[in-house]
Amino acid sequence: MKPIVRVESLSKKYRLGARQSAYGTLRESLVEAMRAPFDRLRRGNGKPDDQIIWALKNLNFEIEPGEVLGIIGRNGAGKSTLLKVLSRITEPTSGRAQLFGRVASLLEVGTGFHPELTGRENIYLNGAVLGMKKAEIERKFDQIVEFSELEKFLDTPVKRYSSGMYMRLAFAVASHLEPEILVVDEVLAVGDAQFQKKSLGKMSSAATKGRTVLFVSHNMIAVQSLCHRVIWLDQGEIVEQGTTSSVVNSYLTASVGDERSLEETWDNVATAPGNDIVRLRRVRVRPQHEEASRSLTTKTPFLIEVEYWNLLPGARLHIALHLYTEQEIIAFTTGNGPEVAGQDSFTRMGLFRGTCYVPDNLLNTGRHRLVVLMVRDSNSVIFRHESSVSFEILDLEARQVSSYGREPGVVQPLLQWATREISEGPGASSNEEFATHREQSARKG
């Protein structure tokens, strides 16, 4: 099968402080060619220019028709630059990108909108920018308005729209263009959960109809739910490309599982967070089994460790932990109080470590953060620490059950179920009665 997108030896460089142009006119190209020798002299007779940044370096890949390709990487990795080149917004420095089909791009919220025009007028304007004919826009106008959920604001100038309203209208127009190739760059980040779910469904539906989607996002749950294949970019180069689960796992192991986010340490007791009674030495999250990947999945049992100095004899200190989700909901609270450790524990001065064992198949997917509380005499909080330790729980099975493929709720426990037959049929007291009931139902049907 012929690929619908082919990228060969694609590179793009920028010069810091220089104005970058898109595809230029003949006049601009001639002026640039005449200025080039003088620019080289000004930079030092052709000496290496340390102000050059390669946003993309020698990229090579192909995309098949109907494929949903995810592009991931940290900020500045070159993801948006790649999409701008593919959308013909900016010109590559070398190499080429071939696209065989009509392209609709959602790179920045509100691109192609005029702030003084109303939503109704901007539907026609934005549709024309994306290559839709007036008759096509009119035919799909009601569907666009219904999808955007902005009927009440159609005759309001879009300069009064919020970023979320801009995004709704832009996505509604682009998705109803029904292009062969849809390019989406993180625009869903400004939408509410319900609209995100609907938009993801629209992109997934587009793929099932043979259209191709290029999707850039920092939301790994969304990427896992939507994409067939993923490319991981870093500093303009392809680090890895392949199946979604494999590449996402590698990326999160290298970035989300960074030691700096999984641990904070203080070596000097005098400057460590705390007070005259207690000082923290370390807060750490790590997989229970050392051979496990540093990235945490729903199937990874892990440990939360808190080390502290007890500075007061007989203080009877204990640890309490509050685990928050990214929605700032407390997933659970736990502690090693006297009922767990014994009434006379931890009364001596010294350095102590409390370890909380978190089983697998408990937490739901998403980002989590810790709050550490030090408690004296089991009922008095003497110190509270908003920890910088945070971690991501992943579900690499990418089950498509809800928005972003994510189960609702803050926990996702693997609970035991038992199912057994309690009757031989609906209201039947014997196999014979059940068989008669089934035969009668069949005749009625």
Protein backbone atom coordinates (compact mmCIF):
# COMPACT_ATOMS: atom_id res chain seq x y z
CA MET A 1 0.00 0.00 0.00
CA LYS A 2 1.30 3.45 -0.91
CA PRO A 3 1.95 5.66 2.16
CA ILE A 4 -0.15 8.79 2.50
CA VAL A 5 2.73 10.67 4.20
CA ARG A 6 6.39 10.15 3.35
CA VAL A 7 9.16 12.03 5.17
CA GLU A 8 12.71 11.72 3.84
CA SER A 9 15.87 13.21 5.41
CA LEU A 10 13.82 16.10 6.78
CA SER A 11 15.70 18.81 8.69
CA LYS A 12 14.85 22.29 9.88
CA LYS A 13 17.21 24.84 11.41
CA TYR A 14 16.57 28.18 13.06
CA ARG A 15 18.97 31.00 13.78
CA LEU A 16 18.44 32.59 17.18
CA GLY A 17 17.30 36.18 16.88
CA ALA A 18 16.54 35.88 13.17
CA ARG A 19 13.07 36.36 11.74
CA GLN A 20 11.79 33.09 10.34
CA SER A 21 9.60 33.18 7.28
CA ALA A 22 7.21 30.63 5.91
CA TYR A 23 7.21 29.72 2.23
CA GLY A 24 8.54 32.92 0.65
CA THR A 25 7.81 34.82 -2.52
CA LEU A 26 10.26 35.02 -5.42
CA ARG A 27 11.14 38.58 -4.41
CA GLU A 28 11.92 37.50 -0.83
CA SER A 29 14.10 34.64 -2.07
CA LEU A 30 16.12 36.98 -4.33
CA VAL A 31 16.62 39.50 -1.53
CA GLU A 32 17.72 36.72 0.82
CA ALA A 33 20.21 35.40 -1.75
CA MET A 34 21.71 38.88 -2.19
CA ARG A 35 22.01 39.40 1.57
CA ALA A 36 23.56 35.99 2.30
CA PRO A 37 27.26 36.90 1.55
CA PHE A 38 27.04 40.00 3.74
CA ASP A 39 25.43 37.97 6.55
CA ARG A 40 28.30 35.49 6.41
CA LEU A 41 30.86 38.29 6.59
CA ARG A 42 29.05 39.82 9.56
CA ARG A 43 29.15 36.46 11.37
CA GLY A 44 32.88 36.18 10.84
CA ASN A 45 33.82 35.00 7.35
CA GLY A 46 31.98 31.70 7.51
CA LYS A 47 33.03 30.68 11.02
CA PRO A 48 30.72 28.21 12.75
CA ASP A 49 27.54 29.92 13.87
CA ASP A 50 26.75 28.94 17.46
CA GLN A 51 23.37 30.68 17.12
CA ILE A 52 22.00 27.88 14.91
CA ILE A 53 19.49 25.43 16.38
CA TRP A 54 18.39 22.32 14.53
CA ALA A 55 14.74 21.85 15.43
CA LEU A 56 14.56 18.73 13.23
CA LYS A 57 17.46 16.48 12.21
CA ASN A 58 17.27 13.98 9.37
CA LEU A 59 13.82 12.52 10.04
CA ASN A 60 12.64 9.52 8.04
CA PHE A 61 9.28 7.81 8.40
CA GLU A 62 6.10 6.88 6.52
CA ILE A 63 2.43 6.86 7.52
CA GLU A 64 -0.12 4.49 6.02
CA PRO A 65 -3.65 5.59 5.07
CA GLY A 66 -6.04 5.28 7.99
CA GLU A 67 -3.25 5.20 10.57
CA VAL A 68 -3.35 7.28 13.77
CA LEU A 69 0.22 8.32 14.52
CA GLY A 70 1.14 9.82 17.88
CA ILE A 71 4.11 12.15 18.21
CA ILE A 72 5.48 12.56 21.74
CA GLY A 73 8.43 14.23 23.41
CA ARG A 74 9.34 16.94 25.86
CA ASN A 75 8.82 20.65 25.20
CA GLY A 76 11.27 21.79 22.54
CA ALA A 77 11.70 18.30 21.07
CA GLY A 78 10.56 19.46 17.61
CA LYS A 79 7.00 18.09 17.58
CA SER A 80 5.24 21.34 16.64
CA THR A 81 7.93 22.22 14.10
CA LEU A 82 7.38 18.87 12.39
CA LEU A 83 3.64 19.47 12.15
CA LYS A 84 4.20 22.98 10.78
CA VAL A 85 6.43 21.57 8.06
CA LEU A 86 3.89 18.87 7.22
CA SER A 87 1.12 21.50 7.15
CA ARG A 88 3.17 23.67 4.75
CA ILE A 89 3.28 26.53 7.26
CA THR A 90 7.07 26.57 7.37
CA GLU A 91 9.62 25.38 4.84
CA PRO A 92 12.17 22.64 5.65
CA THR A 93 15.88 23.44 5.47
CA SER A 94 16.62 20.15 3.76
CA GLY A 95 14.86 16.93 2.86
CA ARG A 96 11.23 16.67 1.89
CA ALA A 97 7.79 15.76 3.18
CA GLN A 98 5.24 14.38 0.73
CA LEU A 99 1.53 14.31 1.61
CA PHE A 100 -0.91 12.65 -0.75
CA GLY A 101 -4.29 14.09 0.23
CA ARG A 102 -6.17 17.09 1.60
CA VAL A 103 -4.80 18.27 4.97
CA ALA A 104 -6.64 19.99 7.84
CA SER A 105 -4.41 21.32 10.63
CA LEU A 106 -5.24 22.34 14.19
CA LEU A 107 -1.93 23.73 15.36
CA GLU A 108 -2.93 26.78 17.39
CA VAL A 109 -6.29 27.68 18.88
CA GLY A 110 -8.06 30.26 16.73
CA THR A 111 -5.81 30.00 13.68
CA GLY A 112 -7.81 31.25 10.69
CA PHE A 113 -10.29 33.19 12.85
CA HIS A 114 -10.93 36.93 12.63
CA PRO A 115 -11.57 38.36 16.12
CA GLU A 116 -14.05 40.98 14.92
CA LEU A 117 -16.25 38.49 13.07
CA THR A 118 -18.95 36.42 14.73
CA GLY A 119 -18.78 32.68 15.25
CA ARG A 120 -21.16 32.18 12.33
CA GLU A 121 -18.99 34.28 10.00
CA ASN A 122 -15.81 32.57 11.21
CA ILE A 123 -17.20 29.15 10.39
CA TYR A 124 -17.34 30.23 6.74
CA LEU A 125 -13.96 31.99 6.98
CA ASN A 126 -12.20 29.10 8.74
CA GLY A 127 -13.78 26.57 6.39
CA ALA A 128 -12.51 28.54 3.39
CA VAL A 129 -9.00 28.67 4.93
CA LEU A 130 -9.10 24.87 5.28
CA GLY A 131 -10.18 24.45 1.65
CA MET A 132 -13.93 23.90 2.01
CA LYS A 133 -16.28 25.25 -0.65
CA LYS A 134 -19.20 27.44 0.45
CA ALA A 135 -21.74 24.82 -0.55
CA GLU A 136 -19.88 22.22 1.51
CA ILE A 137 -19.84 24.51 4.56
CA GLU A 138 -23.56 25.23 4.21
CA ARG A 139 -24.33 21.54 3.92
CA LYS A 140 -22.45 20.76 7.13
CA PHE A 141 -23.19 24.01 8.99
CA ASP A 142 -25.77 22.52 11.39
CA GLN A 143 -23.50 19.58 12.20
CA ILE A 144 -20.59 21.94 12.93
CA VAL A 145 -22.71 24.09 15.26
CA GLU A 146 -24.15 21.05 17.05
CA PHE A 147 -20.70 19.54 17.57
CA SER A 148 -19.21 22.81 18.87
CA GLU A 149 -22.10 23.30 21.36
CA LEU A 150 -21.89 27.07 20.74
CA GLU A 151 -25.29 27.76 19.18
CA LYS A 152 -26.08 30.50 21.73
CA PHE A 153 -22.85 32.36 20.86
CA LEU A 154 -22.92 32.08 17.06
CA ASP A 155 -23.66 35.78 16.55
CA THR A 156 -21.09 36.95 19.14
CA PRO A 157 -17.68 38.23 17.92
CA VAL A 158 -15.10 35.54 18.63
CA LYS A 159 -12.83 38.07 20.37
CA ARG A 160 -15.17 37.57 23.34
CA TYR A 161 -14.74 33.77 23.23
CA SER A 162 -12.67 31.93 25.79
CA SER A 163 -9.78 29.73 24.59
CA GLY A 164 -12.00 26.70 25.12
CA MET A 165 -14.75 28.17 22.91
CA TYR A 166 -12.16 29.01 20.23
CA MET A 167 -10.96 25.42 20.32
CA ARG A 168 -14.47 23.97 20.11
CA LEU A 169 -15.29 25.99 17.02
CA ALA A 170 -11.93 25.35 15.32
CA PHE A 171 -12.07 21.61 15.94
CA ALA A 172 -15.70 21.39 14.85
CA VAL A 173 -14.91 23.04 11.50
CA ALA A 174 -11.72 21.06 10.85
CA SER A 175 -13.19 17.70 11.80
CA HIS A 176 -16.20 18.20 9.52
CA LEU A 177 -13.92 19.07 6.61
CA GLU A 178 -13.35 15.30 6.41
CA PRO A 179 -9.79 15.59 5.08
CA GLU A 180 -7.61 12.66 4.14
CA ILE A 181 -5.08 13.87 6.75
CA LEU A 182 -5.96 15.55 10.07
CA VAL A 183 -3.09 17.18 11.99
CA VAL A 184 -3.77 17.96 15.67
CA ASP A 185 -1.27 19.64 18.01
CA GLU A 186 -2.37 19.48 21.67
CA VAL A 187 -5.40 21.70 21.08
CA LEU A 188 -7.59 19.37 23.15
CA ALA A 189 -5.72 20.46 26.27
CA VAL A 190 -7.98 23.51 26.65
CA GLY A 191 -11.26 21.63 26.38
CA ASP A 192 -13.39 20.23 29.18
CA ALA A 193 -13.45 16.47 29.79
CA GLN A 194 -16.72 15.87 27.97
CA PHE A 195 -15.61 17.73 24.83
CA GLN A 196 -12.22 16.01 24.94
CA LYS A 197 -13.99 12.66 24.94
CA LYS A 198 -16.18 13.70 22.01
CA SER A 199 -13.21 15.04 20.04
CA LEU A 200 -11.18 11.88 20.61
CA GLY A 201 -14.18 9.89 19.43
CA LYS A 202 -14.36 12.04 16.30
CA MET A 203 -10.67 11.44 15.52
CA SER A 204 -11.03 7.72 16.19
CA SER A 205 -14.09 7.63 13.91
CA ALA A 206 -12.14 9.46 11.20
CA ALA A 207 -9.45 6.78 11.34
CA THR A 208 -11.98 3.96 10.98
CA LYS A 209 -13.22 5.65 7.80
CA GLY A 210 -9.75 5.49 6.26
CA ARG A 211 -8.55 8.97 7.17
CA THR A 212 -5.12 9.57 8.67
CA VAL A 213 -4.52 11.42 11.95
CA LEU A 214 -1.27 12.91 13.28
CA PHE A 215 -1.72 13.60 16.98
CA VAL A 216 0.73 15.50 19.19
CA SER A 217 0.02 15.36 22.92
CA HIS A 218 1.66 15.28 26.34
CA ASN A 219 -1.26 13.23 27.65
CA MET A 220 -0.03 9.65 27.47
CA ILE A 221 -3.45 8.23 28.32
CA ALA A 222 -4.92 9.98 25.29
CA VAL A 223 -2.04 8.78 23.10
CA GLN A 224 -2.49 5.18 24.27
CA SER A 225 -6.24 5.34 23.74
CA LEU A 226 -6.11 6.80 20.23
CA CYS A 227 -2.86 5.98 18.44
CA HIS A 228 -1.86 2.88 16.51
CA ARG A 229 1.82 3.84 16.40
CA VAL A 230 4.04 6.45 18.10
CA ILE A 231 7.17 8.43 17.22
CA TRP A 232 9.25 9.76 20.13
CA LEU A 233 11.21 12.94 19.31
CA ASP A 234 14.02 14.45 21.36
CA GLN A 235 16.13 17.44 20.30
CA GLY A 236 14.78 17.14 16.77
CA GLU A 237 15.70 13.47 16.29
CA ILE A 238 13.69 10.27 16.38
CA VAL A 239 14.62 8.37 19.53
CA GLU A 240 12.22 5.50 18.91
CA GLN A 241 9.23 4.62 16.76
CA GLY A 242 6.99 1.59 16.95
CA THR A 243 3.94 0.24 18.73
CA THR A 244 2.21 2.64 21.11
CA SER A 245 2.69 0.62 24.30
CA SER A 246 6.40 0.01 23.65
CA VAL A 247 7.34 3.60 22.78
CA VAL A 248 5.20 5.21 25.51
CA ASN A 249 6.70 2.88 28.11
CA SER A 250 10.24 3.78 26.98
CA TYR A 251 9.44 7.50 26.99
CA LEU A 252 7.89 7.46 30.46
CA THR A 253 10.70 5.37 31.85
CA ALA A 254 13.15 8.02 30.63
CA SER A 255 11.13 11.13 31.53
CA VAL A 256 8.18 10.63 33.85
CA GLY A 257 10.19 8.21 35.93
CA ASP A 258 12.99 10.72 36.39
CA GLU A 259 14.72 10.36 39.78
CA ARG A 260 14.27 14.09 40.38
CA SER A 261 10.48 13.70 40.48
CA LEU A 262 10.48 10.43 42.43
CA GLU A 263 12.74 11.59 45.23
CA GLU A 264 13.72 14.63 47.30
CA THR A 265 16.61 14.53 49.79
CA TRP A 266 18.13 16.84 52.41
CA ASP A 267 21.54 15.97 53.87
CA ASN A 268 21.86 18.86 56.33
CA VAL A 269 19.61 18.48 59.36
CA ALA A 270 19.93 22.20 60.13
CA THR A 271 18.43 23.31 56.80
CA ALA A 272 16.06 20.39 56.13
CA PRO A 273 12.31 21.11 56.22
CA GLY A 274 10.80 20.73 59.66
CA ASN A 275 11.09 22.31 63.12
CA ASP A 276 12.74 21.82 66.50
CA ILE A 277 11.08 18.43 66.96
CA VAL A 278 11.39 16.78 63.55
CA ARG A 279 13.30 17.29 60.29
CA LEU A 280 12.82 15.42 57.03
CA ARG A 281 15.75 13.69 55.37
CA ARG A 282 14.14 11.99 52.36
CA VAL A 283 10.80 11.40 50.60
CA ARG A 284 10.94 8.77 47.90
CA VAL A 285 8.71 6.63 45.67
CA ARG A 286 10.17 3.50 44.05
CA PRO A 287 8.99 0.18 42.60
CA GLN A 288 8.93 -2.56 45.23
CA HIS A 289 11.08 -4.82 43.06
CA GLU A 290 14.39 -3.27 42.09
CA GLU A 291 14.48 -5.03 38.71
CA ALA A 292 11.20 -3.36 37.69
CA SER A 293 11.06 -0.40 35.32
CA ARG A 294 11.09 3.00 37.05
CA SER A 295 7.78 3.85 35.38
CA LEU A 296 4.81 2.81 37.49
CA THR A 297 1.85 1.02 35.95
CA THR A 298 -1.40 -0.18 37.46
CA LYS A 299 0.33 -3.55 37.87
CA THR A 300 3.43 -2.21 39.70
CA PRO A 301 3.55 -2.56 43.50
CA PHE A 302 5.60 0.31 44.88
CA LEU A 303 6.96 1.83 48.09
CA ILE A 304 6.63 5.29 49.61
CA GLU A 305 9.55 5.97 51.95
CA VAL A 306 9.84 8.85 54.42
CA GLU A 307 13.05 9.35 56.40
CA TYR A 308 13.18 11.84 59.27
CA TRP A 309 15.24 12.94 62.25
CA ASN A 310 13.52 12.76 65.65
CA LEU A 311 15.08 15.62 67.61
CA LEU A 312 13.11 15.32 70.86
CA PRO A 313 13.35 12.33 73.23
CA GLY A 314 9.97 10.78 74.01
CA ALA A 315 8.16 12.70 71.26
CA ARG A 316 6.38 9.61 69.85
CA LEU A 317 6.40 10.73 66.20
CA HIS A 318 4.45 9.09 63.44
CA ILE A 319 4.00 9.66 59.69
CA ALA A 320 0.75 10.38 57.85
CA LEU A 321 0.55 10.46 54.05
CA HIS A 322 -2.06 12.12 51.83
CA LEU A 323 -1.93 11.03 48.20
CA TYR A 324 -3.55 13.50 45.78
CA THR A 325 -4.63 12.92 42.18
CA GLU A 326 -4.03 15.47 39.41
CA GLN A 327 -7.60 16.69 40.03
CA GLU A 328 -6.54 17.51 43.63
CA ILE A 329 -8.71 14.72 45.03
CA ILE A 330 -7.27 12.72 47.92
CA ALA A 331 -6.95 9.16 46.62
CA PHE A 332 -6.16 7.83 50.08
CA THR A 333 -4.65 8.71 53.45
CA THR A 334 -2.51 6.35 55.48
CA GLY A 335 -0.14 6.45 58.43
CA ASN A 336 2.07 4.37 60.70
CA GLY A 337 0.33 5.42 63.93
CA PRO A 338 0.58 3.60 67.27
CA GLU A 339 -2.11 1.10 66.30
CA VAL A 340 0.23 0.00 63.48
CA ALA A 341 3.67 0.38 65.05
CA GLY A 342 2.94 0.09 68.78
CA GLN A 343 2.47 2.70 71.49
CA ASP A 344 6.15 2.95 72.46
CA SER A 345 7.65 3.10 68.97
CA PHE A 346 9.84 5.96 67.70
CA THR A 347 10.33 7.68 71.05
CA ARG A 348 14.12 7.85 70.85
CA MET A 349 16.18 10.56 69.14
CA GLY A 350 17.67 9.47 65.83
CA LEU A 351 17.11 8.89 62.14
CA PHE A 352 14.06 6.81 61.18
CA ARG A 353 12.52 5.50 57.99
CA GLY A 354 8.83 4.78 57.50
CA THR A 355 7.87 2.63 54.50
CA CYS A 356 4.38 2.35 53.05
CA TYR A 357 3.71 -0.62 50.78
CA VAL A 358 1.21 0.18 47.99
CA PRO A 359 -0.08 -2.95 46.21
CA ASP A 360 -0.59 -3.34 42.49
CA ASN A 361 -4.07 -2.98 40.97
CA LEU A 362 -5.09 -0.25 43.41
CA LEU A 363 -4.59 3.25 41.99
CA ASN A 364 -6.19 4.56 38.83
CA THR A 365 -4.12 6.03 36.02
CA GLY A 366 -2.89 9.63 36.14
CA ARG A 367 -0.45 11.89 37.95
CA HIS A 368 -0.20 11.77 41.75
CA ARG A 369 1.57 13.87 44.38
CA LEU A 370 2.37 13.44 48.06
CA VAL A 371 1.74 15.46 51.22
CA VAL A 372 3.70 14.31 54.28
CA LEU A 373 2.45 15.08 57.78
CA MET A 374 4.44 14.44 60.95
CA VAL A 375 2.20 13.61 63.89
CA ARG A 376 3.05 13.71 67.60
CA ASP A 377 1.27 11.58 70.21
CA SER A 378 -0.99 10.17 67.46
CA ASN A 379 -3.28 13.22 67.38
CA SER A 380 -1.27 16.43 66.92
CA VAL A 381 0.09 17.41 63.47
CA ILE A 382 3.34 19.27 64.16
CA PHE A 383 4.61 19.62 60.58
CA ARG A 384 3.13 19.43 57.07
CA HIS A 385 5.27 19.12 53.93
CA GLU A 386 3.93 19.64 50.37
CA SER A 387 6.31 17.26 48.66
CA SER A 388 7.69 17.85 45.18
CA VAL A 389 7.65 14.08 44.65
CA SER A 390 5.13 13.13 41.98
CA PHE A 391 4.60 10.10 39.80
CA GLU A 392 2.45 8.80 36.96
CA ILE A 393 0.39 5.62 37.10
CA LEU A 394 0.01 4.08 33.64
CA ASP A 395 -2.27 1.48 32.15
CA LEU A 396 -0.35 0.04 29.22
CA GLU A 397 -3.32 -2.10 28.19
CA ALA A 398 -5.00 1.12 26.94
CA ARG A 399 -8.55 -0.11 27.49
CA GLN A 400 -11.09 1.97 25.60
CA VAL A 401 -13.78 2.23 28.26
CA SER A 402 -14.13 5.95 28.88
CA SER A 403 -12.69 9.37 28.05
CA TYR A 404 -9.00 8.87 27.09
CA GLY A 405 -9.52 5.12 27.70
CA ARG A 406 -9.50 5.84 31.44
CA GLU A 407 -11.70 4.24 34.05
CA PRO A 408 -13.54 6.83 36.18
CA GLY A 409 -12.65 7.13 39.86
CA VAL A 410 -9.48 7.62 41.91
CA VAL A 411 -8.83 3.92 42.45
CA GLN A 412 -8.99 0.96 40.10
CA PRO A 413 -8.84 -2.07 42.41
CA LEU A 414 -8.75 -5.60 41.10
CA LEU A 415 -11.59 -7.01 43.19
CA GLN A 416 -12.62 -10.64 43.35
CA TRP A 417 -15.92 -11.61 41.75
CA ALA A 418 -17.95 -14.78 41.86
CA THR A 419 -20.77 -15.63 39.45
CA ARG A 420 -22.97 -18.69 39.81
CA GLU A 421 -26.26 -19.92 38.49
CA ILE A 422 -29.08 -19.44 40.99
CA SER A 423 -31.94 -20.61 38.78
CA GLU A 424 -32.31 -22.83 35.74
CA GLY A 425 -34.30 -20.15 33.95
CA PRO A 426 -36.32 -16.96 34.45
CA GLY A 427 -39.00 -18.03 36.90
CA ALA A 428 -38.63 -21.70 35.96
CA SER A 429 -38.41 -24.39 38.63
CA SER A 430 -37.10 -27.18 36.42
CA ASN A 431 -35.26 -27.78 33.17
CA GLU A 432 -38.54 -28.93 31.61
CA GLU A 433 -40.38 -25.70 32.48
CA PHE A 434 -37.44 -23.62 31.23
CA ALA A 435 -37.35 -25.54 27.94
CA THR A 436 -41.13 -25.01 27.50
CA HIS A 437 -40.74 -21.26 28.20
CA ARG A 438 -37.90 -20.98 25.67
CA GLU A 439 -39.90 -22.90 23.01
CA GLN A 440 -42.93 -20.60 23.48
CA SER A 441 -40.74 -17.50 23.23
CA ALA A 442 -39.21 -18.77 20.02
CA ARG A 443 -42.65 -19.34 18.45
CA LYS A 444 -43.75 -15.79 19.40
CA GLY A 445 -40.62 -14.37 17.83
